Amino acid sequence: MSTELEADPAAGTPVDDATAERLAVALRCVTVSREEPEPGGDGSGPAADAEFRRLAEHLEQSFPRVHAELELERFGHSRLYTWRGVDPSRTSAILLAHQDVVPADDPAPWTHPPFAGVVDEEFIWGRGAIDDKSRVLAILEAVESALAAGVRPRHTVHLAFGHDEEVFGDRGAVRMAARLRELGVHADLLLDEGGVVTEGIVNDVTGPVATIMVGEKGYATVRLSVSEKGGHSSMPGRRTAVGRLARAVSRIQDDPMPLRVTPVVTDMLARLRPHLPTTKRRLLGFAALAAPVITRIMAGTPQTEALVRTTTAPTVIRGGVQANVLPQQAEALINFRILPGDTVASVLAHCRRTVRDPQVRIELVGMASEPSPATAPARGST
């Protein structure tokens, strides 16, 4: 993944090389979070701990004013900064970002190796360039510049940079949240990662579109597992453990959860409507009646289908030890991102109803969360 190096000329001076290099160095730190970490350490094992320490040293060297003037509390590798305001009795904002990234699978398709942190004439390349080290660095760059200019906020600002966001934040974000609750912090604004301002994300809209996230889908990983008698492949039964598991995965993937337009999506479409061609504007004018048509259109691409459905993604499958040996065990992991209105329980019920095989064990694994309540969108502009 990449993030653009040069700023929009209309917005001011292009990003300087030193700023780009600070982000690139951060991208070279292999701060990977894993759901099943190695034993020991606070990140994902000793190797990851060393990379988080390397990133911490880089941040402290790159932003000396931040680390001289702001208070810093550490929660494992997570970092909670407090920028005291002139009136410290009130908190104006909590700015969130995370330092960790997901593993990189096969580096071969990457334009540059995922942790090379390459800076070329147009982009900065690397795992985390978009999600989410760019925000960590952007916030610190802004605060460092503000401190250099003698700026002090009227009210207190907190910066919270987690180290395990990709695995639900139990060791970092949860502990920072508990600390802020202990301090009685009630912020006027909490700003986390989310959408971007981009062009071309909505078909037939020519101008830039800002995607502001007012809620979050739920999350669940379901494990399907099968146990069968072993033996030699020359005398198989009617269906091996791998075959039974493959059929179950196929049934779930081929029968996804139903399409549905949520109030948030209805609001989004209403805001986009004035910028769409006449035919689509007319269709959206009858949104309540045309909901089935709208959902089918949105289901046409993965990016928009995720807005109108609980998504189903088989991601891991394991089974067997050798080509001529019948497998005794096989398992698969299927990841669901749950649309508001569905629940973790309804996802499990859907899997059991769809698989229709009592010999396939179906259970939740890892962390799970229900969809968040949606924040009411601001009115008055599109």
Protein backbone atom coordinates (compact mmCIF):
# COMPACT_ATOMS: atom_id res chain seq x y z
CA MET A 1 0.00 0.00 0.00
CA SER A 2 1.13 3.58 -0.46
CA THR A 3 0.34 7.12 0.45
CA GLU A 4 1.01 10.08 -1.82
CA LEU A 5 4.21 11.98 -1.17
CA GLU A 6 3.32 15.35 -2.61
CA ALA A 7 0.53 17.50 -1.26
CA ASP A 8 -2.10 19.06 -3.49
CA PRO A 9 -0.45 22.22 -4.88
CA ALA A 10 -3.60 24.16 -4.06
CA ALA A 11 -3.23 23.17 -0.41
CA GLY A 12 0.24 24.62 0.08
CA THR A 13 3.85 23.52 0.07
CA PRO A 14 4.62 19.91 -0.92
CA VAL A 15 5.75 17.57 1.82
CA ASP A 16 9.48 17.92 2.41
CA ASP A 17 11.90 15.02 2.10
CA ALA A 18 12.67 14.89 5.83
CA THR A 19 9.00 14.44 6.65
CA ALA A 20 8.69 11.67 4.07
CA GLU A 21 11.77 9.94 5.43
CA ARG A 22 10.46 10.02 9.00
CA LEU A 23 7.39 8.12 7.86
CA ALA A 24 9.49 5.76 5.74
CA VAL A 25 11.70 4.88 8.72
CA ALA A 26 8.58 4.09 10.76
CA LEU A 27 7.36 1.80 7.96
CA ARG A 28 10.64 -0.14 8.15
CA CYS A 29 9.81 -1.18 11.72
CA VAL A 30 8.10 -4.58 11.47
CA THR A 31 5.52 -3.89 14.19
CA VAL A 32 3.23 -6.79 13.32
CA SER A 33 0.35 -7.85 15.56
CA ARG A 34 -0.81 -11.45 15.39
CA GLU A 35 -3.93 -13.08 16.83
CA GLU A 36 -1.80 -15.96 18.10
CA PRO A 37 1.45 -14.29 19.26
CA GLU A 38 4.64 -16.04 20.21
CA PRO A 39 5.01 -16.66 23.94
CA GLY A 40 6.51 -13.79 25.92
CA GLY A 41 6.71 -10.10 25.34
CA ASP A 42 4.05 -7.44 25.14
CA GLY A 43 3.61 -7.24 21.38
CA SER A 44 3.55 -10.42 19.35
CA GLY A 45 6.61 -12.06 20.85
CA PRO A 46 10.26 -11.10 21.30
CA ALA A 47 10.87 -10.23 17.63
CA ALA A 48 7.90 -7.86 17.49
CA ASP A 49 8.83 -6.34 20.85
CA ALA A 50 12.23 -5.38 19.45
CA GLU A 51 10.56 -3.72 16.45
CA PHE A 52 8.16 -1.75 18.67
CA ARG A 53 11.13 -0.56 20.72
CA ARG A 54 12.88 0.48 17.51
CA LEU A 55 9.82 2.46 16.46
CA ALA A 56 9.62 4.10 19.91
CA GLU A 57 13.25 5.22 19.67
CA HIS A 58 12.59 6.64 16.20
CA LEU A 59 9.57 8.63 17.42
CA GLU A 60 11.43 10.02 20.41
CA GLN A 61 14.41 11.07 18.29
CA SER A 62 12.28 12.54 15.50
CA PHE A 63 9.96 14.61 17.70
CA PRO A 64 12.08 16.03 20.53
CA ARG A 65 9.70 18.84 21.50
CA VAL A 66 6.77 16.46 21.81
CA HIS A 67 8.76 14.24 24.15
CA ALA A 68 10.14 17.17 26.14
CA GLU A 69 6.88 19.08 26.63
CA LEU A 70 4.06 16.51 26.61
CA GLU A 71 3.49 13.95 29.35
CA LEU A 72 3.88 10.35 28.19
CA GLU A 73 2.47 7.20 29.78
CA ARG A 74 3.27 3.78 28.35
CA PHE A 75 0.93 0.80 28.39
CA GLY A 76 3.08 -1.97 27.00
CA HIS A 77 4.12 -0.48 23.67
CA SER A 78 1.06 1.79 23.53
CA ARG A 79 1.70 5.48 24.12
CA LEU A 80 -0.67 7.96 25.75
CA TYR A 81 0.44 11.60 25.51
CA THR A 82 -1.12 14.49 27.43
CA TRP A 83 -0.75 18.02 26.05
CA ARG A 84 -1.91 20.24 28.90
CA GLY A 85 -4.07 23.16 27.92
CA VAL A 86 -4.06 26.66 29.35
CA ASP A 87 -7.27 25.56 31.07
CA PRO A 88 -6.52 21.89 31.96
CA SER A 89 -9.95 21.34 33.53
CA ARG A 90 -11.41 20.46 30.14
CA THR A 91 -10.31 18.07 27.35
CA SER A 92 -10.89 19.30 23.85
CA ALA A 93 -9.78 16.23 21.89
CA ILE A 94 -8.42 12.70 21.93
CA LEU A 95 -6.56 11.90 18.71
CA LEU A 96 -6.16 8.18 18.04
CA ALA A 97 -3.91 6.15 15.75
CA HIS A 98 -2.13 2.81 15.95
CA GLN A 99 1.45 1.69 15.48
CA ASP A 100 0.87 -1.96 14.60
CA VAL A 101 0.18 -3.54 11.23
CA VAL A 102 -1.12 -6.87 9.98
CA PRO A 103 1.29 -9.48 8.62
CA ALA A 104 2.27 -9.36 4.96
CA ASP A 105 1.51 -12.66 3.24
CA ASP A 106 3.35 -13.11 -0.08
CA PRO A 107 5.70 -10.17 -0.77
CA ALA A 108 6.06 -11.11 -4.46
CA PRO A 109 3.08 -9.04 -5.76
CA TRP A 110 4.21 -5.91 -3.89
CA THR A 111 5.72 -3.10 -5.94
CA HIS A 112 8.32 -2.79 -3.18
CA PRO A 113 8.90 -5.15 -0.22
CA PRO A 114 6.26 -4.47 2.46
CA PHE A 115 8.71 -3.23 5.09
CA ALA A 116 11.25 -1.53 2.83
CA GLY A 117 9.85 1.98 3.41
CA VAL A 118 10.69 3.11 -0.13
CA VAL A 119 10.27 6.79 -1.02
CA ASP A 120 10.06 7.53 -4.74
CA GLU A 121 9.08 10.63 -6.68
CA GLU A 122 5.39 10.11 -6.07
CA PHE A 123 4.69 7.78 -3.13
CA ILE A 124 5.88 6.43 0.18
CA TRP A 125 5.57 2.64 0.04
CA GLY A 126 5.12 0.15 2.85
CA ARG A 127 2.83 -1.77 5.18
CA GLY A 128 1.23 0.90 7.36
CA ALA A 129 1.58 3.78 4.91
CA ILE A 130 -2.20 4.07 5.00
CA ASP A 131 -3.20 1.86 7.95
CA ASP A 132 -2.12 3.50 10.23
CA LYS A 133 1.42 4.73 10.83
CA SER A 134 0.81 7.67 8.54
CA ARG A 135 -1.66 9.06 11.10
CA VAL A 136 0.71 8.47 14.01
CA LEU A 137 3.39 10.43 12.18
CA ALA A 138 1.00 13.10 10.89
CA ILE A 139 -0.28 13.87 14.39
CA LEU A 140 3.23 14.03 15.82
CA GLU A 141 4.44 16.21 12.93
CA ALA A 142 1.58 18.63 13.57
CA VAL A 143 2.15 18.81 17.33
CA GLU A 144 5.92 19.18 16.91
CA SER A 145 5.36 22.08 14.49
CA ALA A 146 2.82 23.68 16.81
CA LEU A 147 5.22 23.47 19.75
CA ALA A 148 7.99 25.02 17.64
CA ALA A 149 5.63 27.90 16.89
CA GLY A 150 4.87 28.39 20.58
CA VAL A 151 1.32 27.11 20.35
CA ARG A 152 -0.40 25.88 23.49
CA PRO A 153 -3.97 24.61 23.28
CA ARG A 154 -6.69 26.30 25.29
CA HIS A 155 -7.87 22.91 26.59
CA THR A 156 -6.02 19.64 27.07
CA VAL A 157 -5.41 17.30 24.12
CA HIS A 158 -4.57 13.59 24.42
CA LEU A 159 -2.77 11.55 21.78
CA ALA A 160 -3.35 7.79 22.07
CA PHE A 161 -1.27 5.47 19.90
CA GLY A 162 -2.11 1.80 20.41
CA HIS A 163 0.18 -1.13 19.62
CA ASP A 164 -2.37 -3.94 19.18
CA GLU A 165 -5.31 -2.41 17.35
CA GLU A 166 -5.20 -5.13 14.70
CA VAL A 167 -5.92 -7.73 17.41
CA PHE A 168 -8.59 -5.78 19.32
CA GLY A 169 -6.34 -3.69 21.58
CA ASP A 170 -6.71 -5.60 24.84
CA ARG A 171 -3.15 -4.87 25.97
CA GLY A 172 -3.02 -1.31 24.71
CA ALA A 173 -6.18 0.57 23.79
CA VAL A 174 -8.25 -1.00 26.56
CA ARG A 175 -5.67 -0.02 29.17
CA MET A 176 -5.39 3.54 27.82
CA ALA A 177 -9.17 3.86 27.85
CA ALA A 178 -9.24 2.67 31.46
CA ARG A 179 -6.63 5.26 32.36
CA LEU A 180 -8.60 8.09 30.74
CA ARG A 181 -11.73 6.89 32.52
CA GLU A 182 -9.80 6.86 35.80
CA LEU A 183 -8.77 10.47 35.16
CA GLY A 184 -12.39 11.45 34.45
CA VAL A 185 -11.63 12.57 30.89
CA HIS A 186 -14.65 13.59 28.80
CA ALA A 187 -13.44 14.94 25.47
CA ASP A 188 -15.35 17.27 23.17
CA LEU A 189 -13.95 15.36 20.18
CA LEU A 190 -12.60 11.86 19.68
CA LEU A 191 -11.01 11.34 16.27
CA ASP A 192 -9.86 7.94 15.04
CA GLU A 193 -8.82 6.51 11.68
CA GLY A 194 -11.59 6.19 9.15
CA GLY A 195 -12.42 7.25 5.65
CA VAL A 196 -10.51 9.41 3.23
CA VAL A 197 -11.20 12.22 0.79
CA THR A 198 -10.81 10.75 -2.65
CA GLU A 199 -12.05 10.84 -6.22
CA GLY A 200 -13.52 7.95 -8.15
CA ILE A 201 -14.78 6.04 -5.12
CA VAL A 202 -18.41 6.66 -6.12
CA ASN A 203 -19.36 5.89 -9.71
CA ASP A 204 -20.60 8.91 -11.66
CA VAL A 205 -19.56 11.44 -8.98
CA THR A 206 -16.78 13.53 -10.49
CA GLY A 207 -15.82 15.63 -7.46
CA PRO A 208 -13.98 14.56 -4.32
CA VAL A 209 -15.99 12.61 -1.75
CA ALA A 210 -15.19 12.57 1.97
CA THR A 211 -16.14 9.34 3.71
CA ILE A 212 -16.77 10.09 7.36
CA MET A 213 -17.28 6.99 9.47
CA VAL A 214 -20.09 7.34 12.04
CA GLY A 215 -20.17 3.70 13.15
CA GLU A 216 -18.28 0.43 12.98
CA LYS A 217 -19.29 -3.01 11.85
CA GLY A 218 -19.07 -5.90 14.25
CA TYR A 219 -16.46 -8.63 14.02
CA ALA A 220 -16.45 -12.39 14.40
CA THR A 221 -14.26 -15.27 13.30
CA VAL A 222 -15.98 -18.64 13.04
CA ARG A 223 -14.02 -21.88 13.06
CA LEU A 224 -15.33 -24.94 11.21
CA SER A 225 -13.64 -28.16 12.27
CA VAL A 226 -14.02 -31.79 11.22
CA SER A 227 -12.66 -35.00 12.76
CA GLU A 228 -12.60 -38.26 10.79
CA LYS A 229 -10.88 -41.63 10.99
CA GLY A 230 -7.43 -41.68 9.44
CA GLY A 231 -6.08 -44.28 7.07
CA HIS A 232 -4.52 -44.70 3.67
CA SER A 233 -5.72 -42.68 0.71
CA SER A 234 -6.15 -45.87 -1.34
CA MET A 235 -9.23 -46.76 0.73
CA PRO A 236 -11.08 -43.52 1.48
CA GLY A 237 -14.58 -43.27 2.81
CA ARG A 238 -17.31 -41.40 0.99
CA ARG A 239 -15.94 -38.04 2.15
CA THR A 240 -12.63 -37.17 3.83
CA ALA A 241 -12.27 -34.54 6.56
CA VAL A 242 -10.92 -32.13 3.97
CA GLY A 243 -13.80 -32.86 1.59
CA ARG A 244 -16.43 -32.40 4.30
CA LEU A 245 -14.80 -29.16 5.43
CA ALA A 246 -14.51 -27.85 1.86
CA ARG A 247 -18.22 -28.48 1.28
CA ALA A 248 -19.10 -26.59 4.49
CA VAL A 249 -16.91 -23.60 3.54
CA SER A 250 -18.39 -23.56 0.04
CA ARG A 251 -21.95 -23.58 1.39
CA ILE A 252 -21.27 -20.59 3.67
CA GLN A 253 -19.49 -18.59 0.98
CA ASP A 254 -22.16 -19.35 -1.65
CA ASP A 255 -25.02 -18.39 0.68
CA PRO A 256 -24.04 -15.02 2.23
CA MET A 257 -26.13 -13.14 4.75
CA PRO A 258 -28.89 -10.99 3.24
CA LEU A 259 -28.51 -7.57 1.69
CA ARG A 260 -29.99 -4.68 3.65
CA VAL A 261 -29.89 -0.88 3.49
CA THR A 262 -29.18 0.63 6.91
CA PRO A 263 -30.14 4.17 8.00
CA VAL A 264 -26.49 5.27 7.73
CA VAL A 265 -26.32 4.16 4.10
CA THR A 266 -29.67 5.82 3.38
CA ASP A 267 -28.26 9.06 4.76
CA MET A 268 -25.08 8.67 2.68
CA LEU A 269 -27.08 8.13 -0.51
CA ALA A 270 -29.23 11.19 0.23
CA ARG A 271 -26.07 13.31 0.50
CA LEU A 272 -24.65 11.90 -2.74
CA ARG A 273 -27.90 12.20 -4.68
CA PRO A 274 -27.51 15.84 -5.84
CA HIS A 275 -24.15 14.96 -7.44
CA LEU A 276 -25.35 11.92 -9.40
CA PRO A 277 -26.68 11.73 -12.98
CA THR A 278 -30.40 12.28 -13.52
CA THR A 279 -31.33 8.58 -13.78
CA LYS A 280 -29.72 7.71 -10.46
CA ARG A 281 -31.12 10.82 -8.80
CA ARG A 282 -34.61 9.73 -9.80
CA LEU A 283 -33.99 6.20 -8.51
CA LEU A 284 -32.80 7.51 -5.17
CA GLY A 285 -35.86 9.75 -4.99
CA PHE A 286 -37.81 6.54 -4.45
CA ALA A 287 -35.20 5.00 -2.14
CA ALA A 288 -37.74 3.35 0.16
CA LEU A 289 -39.49 1.60 -2.73
CA ALA A 290 -36.30 0.95 -4.71
CA ALA A 291 -34.28 -0.52 -1.83
CA PRO A 292 -33.98 -4.00 -3.47
CA VAL A 293 -32.64 -2.41 -6.68
CA ILE A 294 -30.25 -0.15 -4.75
CA THR A 295 -28.85 -3.04 -2.73
CA ARG A 296 -28.29 -5.14 -5.86
CA ILE A 297 -26.43 -2.27 -7.47
CA MET A 298 -24.29 -1.76 -4.37
CA ALA A 299 -23.57 -5.48 -4.18
CA GLY A 300 -21.85 -5.20 -7.55
CA THR A 301 -18.43 -4.34 -6.07
CA PRO A 302 -16.73 -5.50 -2.87
CA GLN A 303 -16.26 -1.91 -1.67
CA THR A 304 -19.97 -1.07 -1.76
CA GLU A 305 -21.27 -4.55 -0.96
CA ALA A 306 -19.63 -4.22 2.46
CA LEU A 307 -22.03 -1.32 3.16
CA VAL A 308 -25.15 -3.41 2.65
CA ARG A 309 -24.25 -6.87 3.92
CA THR A 310 -22.51 -8.75 6.70
CA THR A 311 -19.49 -9.90 4.72
CA THR A 312 -18.20 -13.48 4.64
CA ALA A 313 -14.50 -14.15 4.06
CA PRO A 314 -12.95 -17.64 4.36
CA THR A 315 -9.37 -16.77 5.23
CA VAL A 316 -7.57 -19.83 6.65
CA ILE A 317 -7.87 -23.54 5.92
CA ARG A 318 -5.78 -26.37 7.38
CA GLY A 319 -5.90 -30.14 7.07
CA GLY A 320 -3.91 -33.20 6.16
CA VAL A 321 -0.26 -34.14 6.48
CA GLN A 322 0.57 -35.98 3.26
CA ALA A 323 -0.99 -36.68 -0.12
CA ASN A 324 -1.46 -40.42 0.50
CA VAL A 325 -2.74 -40.18 4.09
CA LEU A 326 -6.38 -39.61 5.03
CA PRO A 327 -6.58 -36.52 7.26
CA GLN A 328 -7.93 -36.97 10.76
CA GLN A 329 -8.46 -33.26 11.37
CA ALA A 330 -9.32 -30.26 9.19
CA GLU A 331 -10.35 -26.75 10.08
CA ALA A 332 -11.17 -23.45 8.43
CA LEU A 333 -11.55 -19.89 9.69
CA ILE A 334 -14.21 -17.61 8.25
CA ASN A 335 -14.15 -13.92 9.11
CA PHE A 336 -17.37 -11.90 9.29
CA ARG A 337 -17.76 -8.12 9.45
CA ILE A 338 -21.22 -7.66 10.89
CA LEU A 339 -23.66 -5.09 9.56
CA PRO A 340 -25.72 -3.17 12.15
CA GLY A 341 -28.92 -5.11 12.62
CA ASP A 342 -27.13 -8.45 12.55
CA THR A 343 -25.38 -9.88 15.62
CA VAL A 344 -22.64 -12.33 16.52
CA ALA A 345 -25.35 -14.80 17.49
CA SER A 346 -27.16 -14.41 14.17
CA VAL A 347 -23.88 -15.04 12.30
CA LEU A 348 -23.39 -18.31 14.19
CA ALA A 349 -27.00 -19.31 13.57
CA HIS A 350 -26.59 -18.55 9.86
CA CYS A 351 -23.47 -20.74 9.66
CA ARG A 352 -25.18 -23.70 11.35
CA ARG A 353 -28.30 -23.34 9.21
CA THR A 354 -26.27 -23.08 6.00
CA VAL A 355 -23.76 -25.90 6.64
CA ARG A 356 -26.48 -28.42 7.59
CA ASP A 357 -23.94 -31.01 8.71
CA PRO A 358 -23.82 -32.16 12.36
CA GLN A 359 -20.32 -33.55 11.81
CA VAL A 360 -18.93 -30.05 11.23
CA ARG A 361 -18.26 -28.30 14.52
CA ILE A 362 -18.99 -24.55 14.37
CA GLU A 363 -17.70 -22.17 17.03
CA LEU A 364 -16.42 -18.66 17.63
CA VAL A 365 -12.67 -18.18 18.04
CA GLY A 366 -10.71 -15.16 19.15
CA MET A 367 -12.29 -11.81 19.87
CA ALA A 368 -15.78 -10.89 18.72
CA SER A 369 -17.70 -7.63 18.87
CA GLU A 370 -21.20 -6.46 18.07
CA PRO A 371 -21.74 -3.58 15.61
CA SER A 372 -21.34 -0.21 17.29
CA PRO A 373 -24.21 2.24 17.66
CA ALA A 374 -24.07 4.81 14.88
CA THR A 375 -23.26 8.42 15.70
CA ALA A 376 -25.92 10.76 14.33
CA PRO A 377 -24.49 12.53 11.26
CA ALA A 378 -24.19 16.30 11.35
CA ARG A 379 -26.88 18.19 9.48
CA GLY A 380 -26.71 21.30 7.39
CA SER A 381 -24.34 20.43 4.59
CA THR A 382 -23.50 17.80 2.01
